[in-house]
Amino acid sequence: MNRWVITVVGVTVIALAVAGVGGTEPTLKGPGIIRITSVTKRFARVDVGRRGYSAGDMQITRVSLFNRRLRKRPLGNGQLVCTATGQKFWNCTGTYILPAGKITVSGVLIYSDFYDMAVTGGTGRYNNVRGTQVVTRLRRSEKLMLFRLVIG
């Protein structure tokens, strides 16, 4: 084998071992709360059918996630995809990617300034969670997200 390939493989194995990527990550042991801020990076609305709000329209929101008490850079990202179902209701599903794993949510959005969704599961440290996500608008493109997680 080429010496360069052996070096790259060795460094990769050591990096994975140090980072803990190669092993299993412990799951959440009890109830927990995650408080983070989301900043909208991209927002798109897909208008189908008749012009304006109608069943089948979609909203896609991509966000960066922050905990500015820990660091100034984003600690993760997420996306929320909502489909209009009529009567100004949006049926939404979302995924938030955090350093310890992913959290998935689902629910109905009526008012985008304040809403809650069910936490439906996750991966990594969050692979055994359920709970709620409560979102409150702080500024035009910034929202406070509070995840209340329980073992489920």
C-alpha atoms as a PDB file:
ATOM      1  CA  MET A   1       0.000   0.000   0.000  1.00  0.00           C
ATOM      2  CA  ASN A   2       1.064   3.513  -0.665  1.00  0.00           C
ATOM      3  CA  ARG A   3       2.559   5.234   2.415  1.00  0.00           C
ATOM      4  CA  TRP A   4       0.309   8.269   1.858  1.00  0.00           C
ATOM      5  CA  VAL A   5      -2.847   6.079   1.909  1.00  0.00           C
ATOM      6  CA  ILE A   6      -1.724   4.359   5.129  1.00  0.00           C
ATOM      7  CA  THR A   7      -1.121   7.758   6.749  1.00  0.00           C
ATOM      8  CA  VAL A   8      -4.551   9.071   5.710  1.00  0.00           C
ATOM      9  CA  VAL A   9      -6.312   5.936   6.977  1.00  0.00           C
ATOM     10  CA  GLY A  10      -4.415   6.091  10.276  1.00  0.00           C
ATOM     11  CA  VAL A  11      -5.220   9.754  10.847  1.00  0.00           C
ATOM     12  CA  THR A  12      -8.888   9.141  10.001  1.00  0.00           C
ATOM     13  CA  VAL A  13      -9.169   6.231  12.460  1.00  0.00           C
ATOM     14  CA  ILE A  14      -7.551   8.286  15.229  1.00  0.00           C
ATOM     15  CA  ALA A  15      -9.795  11.287  14.494  1.00  0.00           C
ATOM     16  CA  LEU A  16     -12.917   9.119  14.626  1.00  0.00           C
ATOM     17  CA  ALA A  17     -11.842   7.557  17.900  1.00  0.00           C
ATOM     18  CA  VAL A  18     -11.116  10.931  19.497  1.00  0.00           C
ATOM     19  CA  ALA A  19     -14.356  12.470  18.225  1.00  0.00           C
ATOM     20  CA  GLY A  20     -16.393   9.486  19.391  1.00  0.00           C
ATOM     21  CA  VAL A  21     -17.994   9.027  15.981  1.00  0.00           C
ATOM     22  CA  GLY A  22     -17.068   5.378  15.785  1.00  0.00           C
ATOM     23  CA  GLY A  23     -18.892   4.383  18.988  1.00  0.00           C
ATOM     24  CA  THR A  24     -22.477   4.559  20.100  1.00  0.00           C
ATOM     25  CA  GLU A  25     -23.595   7.814  21.637  1.00  0.00           C
ATOM     26  CA  PRO A  26     -25.440   7.584  24.949  1.00  0.00           C
ATOM     27  CA  THR A  27     -29.144   8.326  24.836  1.00  0.00           C
ATOM     28  CA  LEU A  28     -30.956  10.855  26.967  1.00  0.00           C
ATOM     29  CA  LYS A  29     -31.368   9.364  30.462  1.00  0.00           C
ATOM     30  CA  GLY A  30     -34.229  11.550  31.689  1.00  0.00           C
ATOM     31  CA  PRO A  31     -36.323  14.632  30.935  1.00  0.00           C
ATOM     32  CA  GLY A  32     -34.432  17.560  29.468  1.00  0.00           C
ATOM     33  CA  ILE A  33     -34.859  21.054  28.093  1.00  0.00           C
ATOM     34  CA  ILE A  34     -33.019  22.519  25.117  1.00  0.00           C
ATOM     35  CA  ARG A  35     -33.237  26.297  24.689  1.00  0.00           C
ATOM     36  CA  ILE A  36     -31.847  27.614  21.410  1.00  0.00           C
ATOM     37  CA  THR A  37     -32.379  30.483  18.999  1.00  0.00           C
ATOM     38  CA  SER A  38     -33.139  29.984  15.314  1.00  0.00           C
ATOM     39  CA  VAL A  39     -32.277  32.511  12.640  1.00  0.00           C
ATOM     40  CA  THR A  40     -34.008  32.130   9.268  1.00  0.00           C
ATOM     41  CA  LYS A  41     -31.490  31.683   6.456  1.00  0.00           C
ATOM     42  CA  ARG A  42     -33.872  30.841   3.603  1.00  0.00           C
ATOM     43  CA  PHE A  43     -37.607  30.959   3.203  1.00  0.00           C
ATOM     44  CA  ALA A  44     -39.526  29.837   0.136  1.00  0.00           C
ATOM     45  CA  ARG A  45     -43.225  29.677  -0.581  1.00  0.00           C
ATOM     46  CA  VAL A  46     -44.544  27.464  -3.373  1.00  0.00           C
ATOM     47  CA  ASP A  47     -47.939  28.609  -4.665  1.00  0.00           C
ATOM     48  CA  VAL A  48     -49.897  25.840  -6.375  1.00  0.00           C
ATOM     49  CA  GLY A  49     -53.466  25.907  -7.647  1.00  0.00           C
ATOM     50  CA  ARG A  50     -55.228  29.226  -7.565  1.00  0.00           C
ATOM     51  CA  ARG A  51     -53.195  32.351  -6.810  1.00  0.00           C
ATOM     52  CA  GLY A  52     -52.748  33.104  -3.100  1.00  0.00           C
ATOM     53  CA  TYR A  53     -53.318  30.743  -0.194  1.00  0.00           C
ATOM     54  CA  SER A  54     -54.890  27.443  -1.202  1.00  0.00           C
ATOM     55  CA  ALA A  55     -54.616  23.789  -0.191  1.00  0.00           C
ATOM     56  CA  GLY A  56     -51.361  22.269  -1.410  1.00  0.00           C
ATOM     57  CA  ASP A  57     -49.247  25.437  -1.121  1.00  0.00           C
ATOM     58  CA  MET A  58     -45.923  24.884   0.634  1.00  0.00           C
ATOM     59  CA  GLN A  59     -43.583  26.853   2.874  1.00  0.00           C
ATOM     60  CA  ILE A  60     -39.980  25.736   3.296  1.00  0.00           C
ATOM     61  CA  THR A  61     -37.886  27.388   5.996  1.00  0.00           C
ATOM     62  CA  ARG A  62     -34.172  26.723   6.617  1.00  0.00           C
ATOM     63  CA  VAL A  63     -32.622  27.999   9.832  1.00  0.00           C
ATOM     64  CA  SER A  64     -29.309  28.210  11.645  1.00  0.00           C
ATOM     65  CA  LEU A  65     -29.429  27.261  15.334  1.00  0.00           C
ATOM     66  CA  PHE A  66     -27.558  29.177  18.038  1.00  0.00           C
ATOM     67  CA  ASN A  67     -26.859  29.096  21.747  1.00  0.00           C
ATOM     68  CA  ARG A  68     -24.981  32.370  22.058  1.00  0.00           C
ATOM     69  CA  ARG A  69     -24.214  31.694  25.720  1.00  0.00           C
ATOM     70  CA  LEU A  70     -21.955  28.864  24.510  1.00  0.00           C
ATOM     71  CA  ARG A  71     -20.571  30.247  21.238  1.00  0.00           C
ATOM     72  CA  LYS A  72     -21.211  32.839  18.538  1.00  0.00           C
ATOM     73  CA  ARG A  73     -21.113  30.411  15.600  1.00  0.00           C
ATOM     74  CA  PRO A  74     -24.151  28.277  14.735  1.00  0.00           C
ATOM     75  CA  LEU A  75     -24.295  24.980  16.611  1.00  0.00           C
ATOM     76  CA  GLY A  76     -26.612  23.378  14.064  1.00  0.00           C
ATOM     77  CA  ASN A  77     -29.284  23.908  11.468  1.00  0.00           C
ATOM     78  CA  GLY A  78     -32.797  22.841  10.674  1.00  0.00           C
ATOM     79  CA  GLN A  79     -35.634  22.892   8.229  1.00  0.00           C
ATOM     80  CA  LEU A  80     -39.393  23.084   8.509  1.00  0.00           C
ATOM     81  CA  VAL A  81     -41.599  22.070   5.578  1.00  0.00           C
ATOM     82  CA  CYS A  82     -45.271  23.042   5.788  1.00  0.00           C
ATOM     83  CA  THR A  83     -48.148  22.192   3.459  1.00  0.00           C
ATOM     84  CA  ALA A  84     -51.375  24.207   3.427  1.00  0.00           C
ATOM     85  CA  THR A  85     -54.402  22.090   4.246  1.00  0.00           C
ATOM     86  CA  GLY A  86     -57.115  24.773   4.122  1.00  0.00           C
ATOM     87  CA  GLN A  87     -58.633  27.224   6.618  1.00  0.00           C
ATOM     88  CA  LYS A  88     -55.172  28.871   7.047  1.00  0.00           C
ATOM     89  CA  PHE A  89     -53.753  25.692   8.623  1.00  0.00           C
ATOM     90  CA  TRP A  90     -50.274  24.485   7.720  1.00  0.00           C
ATOM     91  CA  ASN A  91     -49.353  20.850   8.401  1.00  0.00           C
ATOM     92  CA  CYS A  92     -45.612  20.866   9.172  1.00  0.00           C
ATOM     93  CA  THR A  93     -42.702  18.499   9.708  1.00  0.00           C
ATOM     94  CA  GLY A  94     -39.221  19.564  10.669  1.00  0.00           C
ATOM     95  CA  THR A  95     -35.762  18.294  11.502  1.00  0.00           C
ATOM     96  CA  TYR A  96     -33.220  20.090  13.674  1.00  0.00           C
ATOM     97  CA  ILE A  97     -29.600  18.945  13.522  1.00  0.00           C
ATOM     98  CA  LEU A  98     -27.665  19.492  16.758  1.00  0.00           C
ATOM     99  CA  PRO A  99     -24.184  18.333  17.819  1.00  0.00           C
ATOM    100  CA  ALA A 100     -25.602  15.375  19.799  1.00  0.00           C
ATOM    101  CA  GLY A 101     -28.086  14.223  17.130  1.00  0.00           C
ATOM    102  CA  LYS A 102     -31.242  15.174  15.272  1.00  0.00           C
ATOM    103  CA  ILE A 103     -34.688  16.068  16.651  1.00  0.00           C
ATOM    104  CA  THR A 104     -37.809  15.684  14.516  1.00  0.00           C
ATOM    105  CA  VAL A 105     -41.070  17.605  15.013  1.00  0.00           C
ATOM    106  CA  SER A 106     -44.536  17.557  13.510  1.00  0.00           C
ATOM    107  CA  GLY A 107     -47.735  19.535  13.956  1.00  0.00           C
ATOM    108  CA  VAL A 108     -50.098  22.232  12.783  1.00  0.00           C
ATOM    109  CA  LEU A 109     -48.989  25.835  12.394  1.00  0.00           C
ATOM    110  CA  ILE A 110     -51.641  28.546  12.460  1.00  0.00           C
ATOM    111  CA  TYR A 111     -49.672  31.580  13.674  1.00  0.00           C
ATOM    112  CA  SER A 112     -45.990  31.719  12.749  1.00  0.00           C
ATOM    113  CA  ASP A 113     -45.142  34.115  15.620  1.00  0.00           C
ATOM    114  CA  PHE A 114     -46.011  31.574  18.330  1.00  0.00           C
ATOM    115  CA  TYR A 115     -46.629  27.862  17.907  1.00  0.00           C
ATOM    116  CA  ASP A 116     -45.921  24.455  19.363  1.00  0.00           C
ATOM    117  CA  MET A 117     -45.287  21.094  17.751  1.00  0.00           C
ATOM    118  CA  ALA A 118     -44.883  17.534  18.927  1.00  0.00           C
ATOM    119  CA  VAL A 119     -41.357  16.142  19.153  1.00  0.00           C
ATOM    120  CA  THR A 120     -41.746  12.858  17.296  1.00  0.00           C
ATOM    121  CA  GLY A 121     -38.280  11.396  17.787  1.00  0.00           C
ATOM    122  CA  GLY A 122     -34.677  11.810  16.908  1.00  0.00           C
ATOM    123  CA  THR A 123     -31.287  10.240  16.403  1.00  0.00           C
ATOM    124  CA  GLY A 124     -28.070  10.066  18.397  1.00  0.00           C
ATOM    125  CA  ARG A 125     -28.596  11.235  21.958  1.00  0.00           C
ATOM    126  CA  TYR A 126     -32.237  11.976  21.088  1.00  0.00           C
ATOM    127  CA  ASN A 127     -33.141   8.573  19.624  1.00  0.00           C
ATOM    128  CA  ASN A 128     -35.532   7.785  22.476  1.00  0.00           C
ATOM    129  CA  VAL A 129     -37.280  11.140  23.002  1.00  0.00           C
ATOM    130  CA  ARG A 130     -40.750  12.580  22.684  1.00  0.00           C
ATOM    131  CA  GLY A 131     -42.042  15.897  23.914  1.00  0.00           C
ATOM    132  CA  THR A 132     -42.917  19.374  22.687  1.00  0.00           C
ATOM    133  CA  GLN A 133     -41.277  22.221  20.844  1.00  0.00           C
ATOM    134  CA  VAL A 134     -42.520  25.733  21.663  1.00  0.00           C
ATOM    135  CA  VAL A 135     -41.461  28.532  19.297  1.00  0.00           C
ATOM    136  CA  THR A 136     -41.765  32.267  20.003  1.00  0.00           C
ATOM    137  CA  ARG A 137     -40.782  35.026  17.596  1.00  0.00           C
ATOM    138  CA  LEU A 138     -38.161  37.410  19.006  1.00  0.00           C
ATOM    139  CA  ARG A 139     -37.368  39.524  15.939  1.00  0.00           C
ATOM    140  CA  ARG A 140     -38.260  39.436  12.248  1.00  0.00           C
ATOM    141  CA  SER A 141     -36.076  36.426  11.374  1.00  0.00           C
ATOM    142  CA  GLU A 142     -35.167  35.202  14.873  1.00  0.00           C
ATOM    143  CA  LYS A 143     -37.152  32.821  17.073  1.00  0.00           C
ATOM    144  CA  LEU A 144     -36.656  31.259  20.487  1.00  0.00           C
ATOM    145  CA  MET A 145     -37.094  27.469  20.446  1.00  0.00           C
ATOM    146  CA  LEU A 146     -37.723  25.515  23.613  1.00  0.00           C
ATOM    147  CA  PHE A 147     -37.659  21.722  23.350  1.00  0.00           C
ATOM    148  CA  ARG A 148     -39.138  19.907  26.363  1.00  0.00           C
ATOM    149  CA  LEU A 149     -37.965  16.332  26.008  1.00  0.00           C
ATOM    150  CA  VAL A 150     -39.039  13.179  27.827  1.00  0.00           C
ATOM    151  CA  ILE A 151     -38.019   9.578  27.379  1.00  0.00           C
ATOM    152  CA  GLY A 152     -40.572   7.919  25.198  1.00  0.00           C
END
